[in-house]
Amino acid sequence: YINGQKAGNNVLDPAQTDYDKRVFYNMHDVSDLIIN
């Protein structure tokens, strides 16, 4: 969440993996959620 708004419309992120070997991260463009 940025300033009270959820970033993106994904659910149940990230995808499941064997965390001992790899962990997924996601990238979000939140330019429109940042304020002065």
ModelCIF file with pLDDT and N, C-alpha, C, O atoms, coordinates in Angstrom:
data_MODEL
#
_entry.id   MODEL 
#
_entity.id                         1 
_entity.type                       polymer 
_entity.pdbx_number_of_molecules   1 
#
_entity_poly.entity_id                      1 
_entity_poly.type                           'polypeptide(L)' 
_entity_poly.nstd_linkage                   no 
_entity_poly.nstd_monomer                   no 
_entity_poly.pdbx_seq_one_letter_code       YINGQKAGNNVLDPAQTDYDKRVFYNMHDVSDLIIN 
_entity_poly.pdbx_seq_one_letter_code_can   YINGQKAGNNVLDPAQTDYDKRVFYNMHDVSDLIIN 
_entity_poly.pdbx_strand_id                 A 
#
loop_
_entity_poly_seq.entity_id 
_entity_poly_seq.num 
_entity_poly_seq.mon_id 
_entity_poly_seq.hetero 
1 1  TYR n 
1 2  ILE n 
1 3  ASN n 
1 4  GLY n 
1 5  GLN n 
1 6  LYS n 
1 7  ALA n 
1 8  GLY n 
1 9  ASN n 
1 10 ASN n 
1 11 VAL n 
1 12 LEU n 
1 13 ASP n 
1 14 PRO n 
1 15 ALA n 
1 16 GLN n 
1 17 THR n 
1 18 ASP n 
1 19 TYR n 
1 20 ASP n 
1 21 LYS n 
1 22 ARG n 
1 23 VAL n 
1 24 PHE n 
1 25 TYR n 
1 26 ASN n 
1 27 MET n 
1 28 HIS n 
1 29 ASP n 
1 30 VAL n 
1 31 SER n 
1 32 ASP n 
1 33 LEU n 
1 34 ILE n 
1 35 ILE n 
1 36 ASN n 
#
_struct_asym.id          A 
_struct_asym.entity_id   1 
#
loop_
_ma_qa_metric.id 
_ma_qa_metric.mode 
_ma_qa_metric.name 
_ma_qa_metric.software_group_id 
_ma_qa_metric.type 
1 global pLDDT . pLDDT 
2 local  pLDDT . pLDDT 
#
_ma_qa_metric_global.metric_id      1 
_ma_qa_metric_global.metric_value   94.39 
_ma_qa_metric_global.model_id       1 
_ma_qa_metric_global.ordinal_id     1 
#
loop_
_ma_qa_metric_local.label_asym_id 
_ma_qa_metric_local.label_comp_id 
_ma_qa_metric_local.label_seq_id 
_ma_qa_metric_local.metric_id 
_ma_qa_metric_local.metric_value 
_ma_qa_metric_local.model_id 
_ma_qa_metric_local.ordinal_id 
A TYR 1  2 98.00 1 1  
A ILE 2  2 97.00 1 2  
A ASN 3  2 97.00 1 3  
A GLY 4  2 97.00 1 4  
A GLN 5  2 97.00 1 5  
A LYS 6  2 97.00 1 6  
A ALA 7  2 96.00 1 7  
A GLY 8  2 93.00 1 8  
A ASN 9  2 95.00 1 9  
A ASN 10 2 95.00 1 10 
A VAL 11 2 97.00 1 11 
A LEU 12 2 96.00 1 12 
A ASP 13 2 96.00 1 13 
A PRO 14 2 95.00 1 14 
A ALA 15 2 93.00 1 15 
A GLN 16 2 90.00 1 16 
A THR 17 2 90.00 1 17 
A ASP 18 2 89.00 1 18 
A TYR 19 2 90.00 1 19 
A ASP 20 2 89.00 1 20 
A LYS 21 2 92.00 1 21 
A ARG 22 2 93.00 1 22 
A VAL 23 2 95.00 1 23 
A PHE 24 2 96.00 1 24 
A TYR 25 2 97.00 1 25 
A ASN 26 2 96.00 1 26 
A MET 27 2 96.00 1 27 
A HIS 28 2 96.00 1 28 
A ASP 29 2 95.00 1 29 
A VAL 30 2 96.00 1 30 
A SER 31 2 94.00 1 31 
A ASP 32 2 94.00 1 32 
A LEU 33 2 95.00 1 33 
A ILE 34 2 94.00 1 34 
A ILE 35 2 92.00 1 35 
A ASN 36 2 90.00 1 36 
#
loop_
_atom_site.group_PDB 
_atom_site.id 
_atom_site.type_symbol 
_atom_site.label_atom_id 
_atom_site.label_alt_id 
_atom_site.label_comp_id 
_atom_site.label_asym_id 
_atom_site.label_entity_id 
_atom_site.label_seq_id 
_atom_site.pdbx_PDB_ins_code 
_atom_site.Cartn_x 
_atom_site.Cartn_y 
_atom_site.Cartn_z 
_atom_site.occupancy 
_atom_site.B_iso_or_equiv 
_atom_site.pdbx_formal_charge 
_atom_site.auth_seq_id 
_atom_site.auth_comp_id 
_atom_site.auth_asym_id 
_atom_site.auth_atom_id 
_atom_site.pdbx_PDB_model_num 
ATOM 1   N N  . TYR A 1 1  ? 0.835  -1.193  0.000   1.00 98.00 ? 1  TYR A N  1 
ATOM 2   C CA . TYR A 1 1  ? 0.000  0.000   0.000   1.00 98.00 ? 1  TYR A CA 1 
ATOM 3   C C  . TYR A 1 1  ? 0.875  1.250   0.000   1.00 98.00 ? 1  TYR A C  1 
ATOM 4   O O  . TYR A 1 1  ? 1.861  1.333   0.733   1.00 98.00 ? 1  TYR A O  1 
ATOM 5   N N  . ILE A 1 2  ? 0.501  2.214   -0.829  1.00 97.00 ? 2  ILE A N  1 
ATOM 6   C CA . ILE A 1 2  ? 1.162  3.514   -0.851  1.00 97.00 ? 2  ILE A CA 1 
ATOM 7   C C  . ILE A 1 2  ? 0.099  4.568   -0.571  1.00 97.00 ? 2  ILE A C  1 
ATOM 8   O O  . ILE A 1 2  ? -0.859 4.710   -1.331  1.00 97.00 ? 2  ILE A O  1 
ATOM 9   N N  . ASN A 1 3  ? 0.267  5.300   0.513   1.00 97.00 ? 3  ASN A N  1 
ATOM 10  C CA . ASN A 1 3  ? -0.691 6.352   0.883   1.00 97.00 ? 3  ASN A CA 1 
ATOM 11  C C  . ASN A 1 3  ? -2.132 5.832   0.908   1.00 97.00 ? 3  ASN A C  1 
ATOM 12  O O  . ASN A 1 3  ? -3.061 6.504   0.459   1.00 97.00 ? 3  ASN A O  1 
ATOM 13  N N  . GLY A 1 4  ? -2.288 4.633   1.439   1.00 97.00 ? 4  GLY A N  1 
ATOM 14  C CA . GLY A 1 4  ? -3.610 4.066   1.613   1.00 97.00 ? 4  GLY A CA 1 
ATOM 15  C C  . GLY A 1 4  ? -4.171 3.332   0.422   1.00 97.00 ? 4  GLY A C  1 
ATOM 16  O O  . GLY A 1 4  ? -5.258 2.762   0.516   1.00 97.00 ? 4  GLY A O  1 
ATOM 17  N N  . GLN A 1 5  ? -3.464 3.323   -0.706  1.00 97.00 ? 5  GLN A N  1 
ATOM 18  C CA . GLN A 1 5  ? -3.959 2.662   -1.904  1.00 97.00 ? 5  GLN A CA 1 
ATOM 19  C C  . GLN A 1 5  ? -3.118 1.412   -2.212  1.00 97.00 ? 5  GLN A C  1 
ATOM 20  O O  . GLN A 1 5  ? -1.889 1.438   -2.142  1.00 97.00 ? 5  GLN A O  1 
ATOM 21  N N  . LYS A 1 6  ? -3.806 0.337   -2.549  1.00 97.00 ? 6  LYS A N  1 
ATOM 22  C CA . LYS A 1 6  ? -3.109 -0.899  -2.896  1.00 97.00 ? 6  LYS A CA 1 
ATOM 23  C C  . LYS A 1 6  ? -2.408 -0.749  -4.235  1.00 97.00 ? 6  LYS A C  1 
ATOM 24  O O  . LYS A 1 6  ? -2.986 -0.237  -5.194  1.00 97.00 ? 6  LYS A O  1 
ATOM 25  N N  . ALA A 1 7  ? -1.164 -1.195  -4.297  1.00 96.00 ? 7  ALA A N  1 
ATOM 26  C CA . ALA A 1 7  ? -0.388 -1.140  -5.535  1.00 96.00 ? 7  ALA A CA 1 
ATOM 27  C C  . ALA A 1 7  ? -0.680 -2.368  -6.376  1.00 96.00 ? 7  ALA A C  1 
ATOM 28  O O  . ALA A 1 7  ? -0.489 -3.497  -5.924  1.00 96.00 ? 7  ALA A O  1 
ATOM 29  N N  . GLY A 1 8  ? -1.147 -2.146  -7.612  1.00 93.00 ? 8  GLY A N  1 
ATOM 30  C CA . GLY A 1 8  ? -1.408 -3.251  -8.527  1.00 93.00 ? 8  GLY A CA 1 
ATOM 31  C C  . GLY A 1 8  ? -2.692 -3.983  -8.200  1.00 93.00 ? 8  GLY A C  1 
ATOM 32  O O  . GLY A 1 8  ? -3.352 -3.702  -7.200  1.00 93.00 ? 8  GLY A O  1 
ATOM 33  N N  . ASN A 1 9  ? -3.038 -4.939  -9.074  1.00 95.00 ? 9  ASN A N  1 
ATOM 34  C CA . ASN A 1 9  ? -4.254 -5.733  -8.885  1.00 95.00 ? 9  ASN A CA 1 
ATOM 35  C C  . ASN A 1 9  ? -3.949 -7.224  -8.790  1.00 95.00 ? 9  ASN A C  1 
ATOM 36  O O  . ASN A 1 9  ? -4.826 -8.058  -9.018  1.00 95.00 ? 9  ASN A O  1 
ATOM 37  N N  . ASN A 1 10 ? -2.700 -7.559  -8.452  1.00 95.00 ? 10 ASN A N  1 
ATOM 38  C CA . ASN A 1 10 ? -2.353 -8.956  -8.233  1.00 95.00 ? 10 ASN A CA 1 
ATOM 39  C C  . ASN A 1 10 ? -2.906 -9.414  -6.891  1.00 95.00 ? 10 ASN A C  1 
ATOM 40  O O  . ASN A 1 10 ? -3.111 -8.601  -5.990  1.00 95.00 ? 10 ASN A O  1 
ATOM 41  N N  . VAL A 1 11 ? -3.147 -10.709 -6.757  1.00 97.00 ? 11 VAL A N  1 
ATOM 42  C CA . VAL A 1 11 ? -3.491 -11.293 -5.470  1.00 97.00 ? 11 VAL A CA 1 
ATOM 43  C C  . VAL A 1 11 ? -2.596 -12.502 -5.236  1.00 97.00 ? 11 VAL A C  1 
ATOM 44  O O  . VAL A 1 11 ? -2.063 -13.093 -6.175  1.00 97.00 ? 11 VAL A O  1 
ATOM 45  N N  . LEU A 1 12 ? -2.443 -12.856 -3.967  1.00 96.00 ? 12 LEU A N  1 
ATOM 46  C CA . LEU A 1 12 ? -1.647 -14.027 -3.581  1.00 96.00 ? 12 LEU A CA 1 
ATOM 47  C C  . LEU A 1 12 ? -0.248 -13.968 -4.176  1.00 96.00 ? 12 LEU A C  1 
ATOM 48  O O  . LEU A 1 12 ? 0.253  -14.957 -4.711  1.00 96.00 ? 12 LEU A O  1 
ATOM 49  N N  . ASP A 1 13 ? 0.373  -12.809 -4.079  1.00 96.00 ? 13 ASP A N  1 
ATOM 50  C CA . ASP A 1 13 ? 1.772  -12.636 -4.473  1.00 96.00 ? 13 ASP A CA 1 
ATOM 51  C C  . ASP A 1 13 ? 2.674  -12.863 -3.264  1.00 96.00 ? 13 ASP A C  1 
ATOM 52  O O  . ASP A 1 13 ? 2.275  -12.560 -2.140  1.00 96.00 ? 13 ASP A O  1 
ATOM 53  N N  . PRO A 1 14 ? 3.902  -13.399 -3.472  1.00 95.00 ? 14 PRO A N  1 
ATOM 54  C CA . PRO A 1 14 ? 4.432  -13.900 -4.735  1.00 95.00 ? 14 PRO A CA 1 
ATOM 55  C C  . PRO A 1 14 ? 4.058  -15.359 -4.956  1.00 95.00 ? 14 PRO A C  1 
ATOM 56  O O  . PRO A 1 14 ? 3.490  -16.004 -4.075  1.00 95.00 ? 14 PRO A O  1 
ATOM 57  N N  . ALA A 1 15 ? 4.384  -15.876 -6.144  1.00 93.00 ? 15 ALA A N  1 
ATOM 58  C CA . ALA A 1 15 ? 4.126  -17.287 -6.433  1.00 93.00 ? 15 ALA A CA 1 
ATOM 59  C C  . ALA A 1 15 ? 4.974  -18.167 -5.515  1.00 93.00 ? 15 ALA A C  1 
ATOM 60  O O  . ALA A 1 15 ? 6.070  -17.789 -5.103  1.00 93.00 ? 15 ALA A O  1 
ATOM 61  N N  . GLN A 1 16 ? 4.440  -19.346 -5.207  1.00 90.00 ? 16 GLN A N  1 
ATOM 62  C CA . GLN A 1 16 ? 5.127  -20.249 -4.283  1.00 90.00 ? 16 GLN A CA 1 
ATOM 63  C C  . GLN A 1 16 ? 6.337  -20.889 -4.947  1.00 90.00 ? 16 GLN A C  1 
ATOM 64  O O  . GLN A 1 16 ? 6.292  -21.290 -6.110  1.00 90.00 ? 16 GLN A O  1 
ATOM 65  N N  . THR A 1 17 ? 7.403  -20.973 -4.191  1.00 90.00 ? 17 THR A N  1 
ATOM 66  C CA . THR A 1 17 ? 8.629  -21.625 -4.635  1.00 90.00 ? 17 THR A CA 1 
ATOM 67  C C  . THR A 1 17 ? 9.214  -22.391 -3.452  1.00 90.00 ? 17 THR A C  1 
ATOM 68  O O  . THR A 1 17 ? 8.667  -22.354 -2.350  1.00 90.00 ? 17 THR A O  1 
ATOM 69  N N  . ASP A 1 18 ? 10.321 -23.081 -3.681  1.00 89.00 ? 18 ASP A N  1 
ATOM 70  C CA . ASP A 1 18 ? 11.106 -23.624 -2.585  1.00 89.00 ? 18 ASP A CA 1 
ATOM 71  C C  . ASP A 1 18 ? 12.002 -22.491 -2.106  1.00 89.00 ? 18 ASP A C  1 
ATOM 72  O O  . ASP A 1 18 ? 13.003 -22.176 -2.749  1.00 89.00 ? 18 ASP A O  1 
ATOM 73  N N  . TYR A 1 19 ? 11.647 -21.871 -0.969  1.00 90.00 ? 19 TYR A N  1 
ATOM 74  C CA . TYR A 1 19 ? 12.323 -20.654 -0.526  1.00 90.00 ? 19 TYR A CA 1 
ATOM 75  C C  . TYR A 1 19 ? 13.794 -20.876 -0.172  1.00 90.00 ? 19 TYR A C  1 
ATOM 76  O O  . TYR A 1 19 ? 14.557 -19.916 -0.070  1.00 90.00 ? 19 TYR A O  1 
ATOM 77  N N  . ASP A 1 20 ? 14.192 -22.122 0.012   1.00 89.00 ? 20 ASP A N  1 
ATOM 78  C CA . ASP A 1 20 ? 15.610 -22.402 0.236   1.00 89.00 ? 20 ASP A CA 1 
ATOM 79  C C  . ASP A 1 20 ? 16.432 -22.179 -1.031  1.00 89.00 ? 20 ASP A C  1 
ATOM 80  O O  . ASP A 1 20 ? 17.641 -21.956 -0.967  1.00 89.00 ? 20 ASP A O  1 
ATOM 81  N N  . LYS A 1 21 ? 15.759 -22.243 -2.184  1.00 92.00 ? 21 LYS A N  1 
ATOM 82  C CA . LYS A 1 21 ? 16.472 -22.133 -3.456  1.00 92.00 ? 21 LYS A CA 1 
ATOM 83  C C  . LYS A 1 21 ? 16.228 -20.804 -4.158  1.00 92.00 ? 21 LYS A C  1 
ATOM 84  O O  . LYS A 1 21 ? 17.163 -20.183 -4.663  1.00 92.00 ? 21 LYS A O  1 
ATOM 85  N N  . ARG A 1 22 ? 14.972 -20.370 -4.192  1.00 93.00 ? 22 ARG A N  1 
ATOM 86  C CA . ARG A 1 22 ? 14.654 -19.111 -4.862  1.00 93.00 ? 22 ARG A CA 1 
ATOM 87  C C  . ARG A 1 22 ? 13.416 -18.489 -4.249  1.00 93.00 ? 22 ARG A C  1 
ATOM 88  O O  . ARG A 1 22 ? 12.520 -19.182 -3.769  1.00 93.00 ? 22 ARG A O  1 
ATOM 89  N N  . VAL A 1 23 ? 13.387 -17.159 -4.276  1.00 95.00 ? 23 VAL A N  1 
ATOM 90  C CA . VAL A 1 23 ? 12.261 -16.381 -3.766  1.00 95.00 ? 23 VAL A CA 1 
ATOM 91  C C  . VAL A 1 23 ? 11.892 -15.372 -4.844  1.00 95.00 ? 23 VAL A C  1 
ATOM 92  O O  . VAL A 1 23 ? 12.752 -14.639 -5.332  1.00 95.00 ? 23 VAL A O  1 
ATOM 93  N N  . PHE A 1 24 ? 10.631 -15.333 -5.214  1.00 96.00 ? 24 PHE A N  1 
ATOM 94  C CA . PHE A 1 24 ? 10.191 -14.384 -6.230  1.00 96.00 ? 24 PHE A CA 1 
ATOM 95  C C  . PHE A 1 24 ? 9.911  -13.021 -5.607  1.00 96.00 ? 24 PHE A C  1 
ATOM 96  O O  . PHE A 1 24 ? 9.360  -12.915 -4.511  1.00 96.00 ? 24 PHE A O  1 
ATOM 97  N N  . TYR A 1 25 ? 10.307 -11.978 -6.341  1.00 97.00 ? 25 TYR A N  1 
ATOM 98  C CA . TYR A 1 25 ? 9.885  -10.626 -5.989  1.00 97.00 ? 25 TYR A CA 1 
ATOM 99  C C  . TYR A 1 25 ? 9.112  -10.036 -7.156  1.00 97.00 ? 25 TYR A C  1 
ATOM 100 O O  . TYR A 1 25 ? 9.246  -10.483 -8.295  1.00 97.00 ? 25 TYR A O  1 
ATOM 101 N N  . ASN A 1 26 ? 8.306  -9.031  -6.862  1.00 96.00 ? 26 ASN A N  1 
ATOM 102 C CA . ASN A 1 26 ? 7.506  -8.340  -7.872  1.00 96.00 ? 26 ASN A CA 1 
ATOM 103 C C  . ASN A 1 26 ? 7.956  -6.903  -7.988  1.00 96.00 ? 26 ASN A C  1 
ATOM 104 O O  . ASN A 1 26 ? 8.492  -6.325  -7.042  1.00 96.00 ? 26 ASN A O  1 
ATOM 105 N N  . MET A 1 27 ? 7.735  -6.333  -9.151  1.00 96.00 ? 27 MET A N  1 
ATOM 106 C CA . MET A 1 27 ? 8.063  -4.935  -9.400  1.00 96.00 ? 27 MET A CA 1 
ATOM 107 C C  . MET A 1 27 ? 6.779  -4.177  -9.682  1.00 96.00 ? 27 MET A C  1 
ATOM 108 O O  . MET A 1 27 ? 5.958  -4.613  -10.489 1.00 96.00 ? 27 MET A O  1 
ATOM 109 N N  . HIS A 1 28 ? 6.604  -3.034  -9.014  1.00 96.00 ? 28 HIS A N  1 
ATOM 110 C CA . HIS A 1 28 ? 5.423  -2.197  -9.185  1.00 96.00 ? 28 HIS A CA 1 
ATOM 111 C C  . HIS A 1 28 ? 5.851  -0.771  -9.544  1.00 96.00 ? 28 HIS A C  1 
ATOM 112 O O  . HIS A 1 28 ? 6.745  -0.200  -8.920  1.00 96.00 ? 28 HIS A O  1 
ATOM 113 N N  . ASP A 1 29 ? 5.202  -0.219  -10.550 1.00 95.00 ? 29 ASP A N  1 
ATOM 114 C CA . ASP A 1 29 ? 5.371  1.199   -10.856 1.00 95.00 ? 29 ASP A CA 1 
ATOM 115 C C  . ASP A 1 29 ? 4.357  1.960   -10.008 1.00 95.00 ? 29 ASP A C  1 
ATOM 116 O O  . ASP A 1 29 ? 3.152  1.863   -10.245 1.00 95.00 ? 29 ASP A O  1 
ATOM 117 N N  . VAL A 1 30 ? 4.835  2.712   -9.026  1.00 96.00 ? 30 VAL A N  1 
ATOM 118 C CA . VAL A 1 30 ? 3.940  3.422   -8.096  1.00 96.00 ? 30 VAL A CA 1 
ATOM 119 C C  . VAL A 1 30 ? 4.054  4.935   -8.275  1.00 96.00 ? 30 VAL A C  1 
ATOM 120 O O  . VAL A 1 30 ? 3.742  5.698   -7.361  1.00 96.00 ? 30 VAL A O  1 
ATOM 121 N N  . SER A 1 31 ? 4.500  5.364   -9.454  1.00 94.00 ? 31 SER A N  1 
ATOM 122 C CA . SER A 1 31 ? 4.701  6.795   -9.704  1.00 94.00 ? 31 SER A CA 1 
ATOM 123 C C  . SER A 1 31 ? 3.432  7.595   -9.438  1.00 94.00 ? 31 SER A C  1 
ATOM 124 O O  . SER A 1 31 ? 3.493  8.698   -8.896  1.00 94.00 ? 31 SER A O  1 
ATOM 125 N N  . ASP A 1 32 ? 2.279  7.042   -9.819  1.00 94.00 ? 32 ASP A N  1 
ATOM 126 C CA . ASP A 1 32 ? 1.014  7.778   -9.660  1.00 94.00 ? 32 ASP A CA 1 
ATOM 127 C C  . ASP A 1 32 ? 0.531  7.810   -8.216  1.00 94.00 ? 32 ASP A C  1 
ATOM 128 O O  . ASP A 1 32 ? -0.391 8.558   -7.892  1.00 94.00 ? 32 ASP A O  1 
ATOM 129 N N  . LEU A 1 33 ? 1.143  7.005   -7.338  1.00 95.00 ? 33 LEU A N  1 
ATOM 130 C CA . LEU A 1 33 ? 0.697  6.957   -5.948  1.00 95.00 ? 33 LEU A CA 1 
ATOM 131 C C  . LEU A 1 33 ? 1.527  7.849   -5.033  1.00 95.00 ? 33 LEU A C  1 
ATOM 132 O O  . LEU A 1 33 ? 1.122  8.126   -3.904  1.00 95.00 ? 33 LEU A O  1 
ATOM 133 N N  . ILE A 1 34 ? 2.680  8.300   -5.509  1.00 94.00 ? 34 ILE A N  1 
ATOM 134 C CA . ILE A 1 34 ? 3.555  9.165   -4.715  1.00 94.00 ? 34 ILE A CA 1 
ATOM 135 C C  . ILE A 1 34 ? 3.081  10.614  -4.829  1.00 94.00 ? 34 ILE A C  1 
ATOM 136 O O  . ILE A 1 34 ? 2.759  11.085  -5.919  1.00 94.00 ? 34 ILE A O  1 
ATOM 137 N N  . ILE A 1 35 ? 3.043  11.312  -3.696  1.00 92.00 ? 35 ILE A N  1 
ATOM 138 C CA . ILE A 1 35 ? 2.619  12.703  -3.691  1.00 92.00 ? 35 ILE A CA 1 
ATOM 139 C C  . ILE A 1 35 ? 3.762  13.600  -3.218  1.00 92.00 ? 35 ILE A C  1 
ATOM 140 O O  . ILE A 1 35 ? 4.719  13.132  -2.601  1.00 92.00 ? 35 ILE A O  1 
ATOM 141 N N  . ASN A 1 36 ? 3.647  14.873  -3.511  1.00 90.00 ? 36 ASN A N  1 
ATOM 142 C CA . ASN A 1 36 ? 4.635  15.844  -3.056  1.00 90.00 ? 36 ASN A CA 1 
ATOM 143 C C  . ASN A 1 36 ? 4.516  16.024  -1.549  1.00 90.00 ? 36 ASN A C  1 
ATOM 144 O O  . ASN A 1 36 ? 5.264  16.805  -0.960  1.00 90.00 ? 36 ASN A O  1 
#
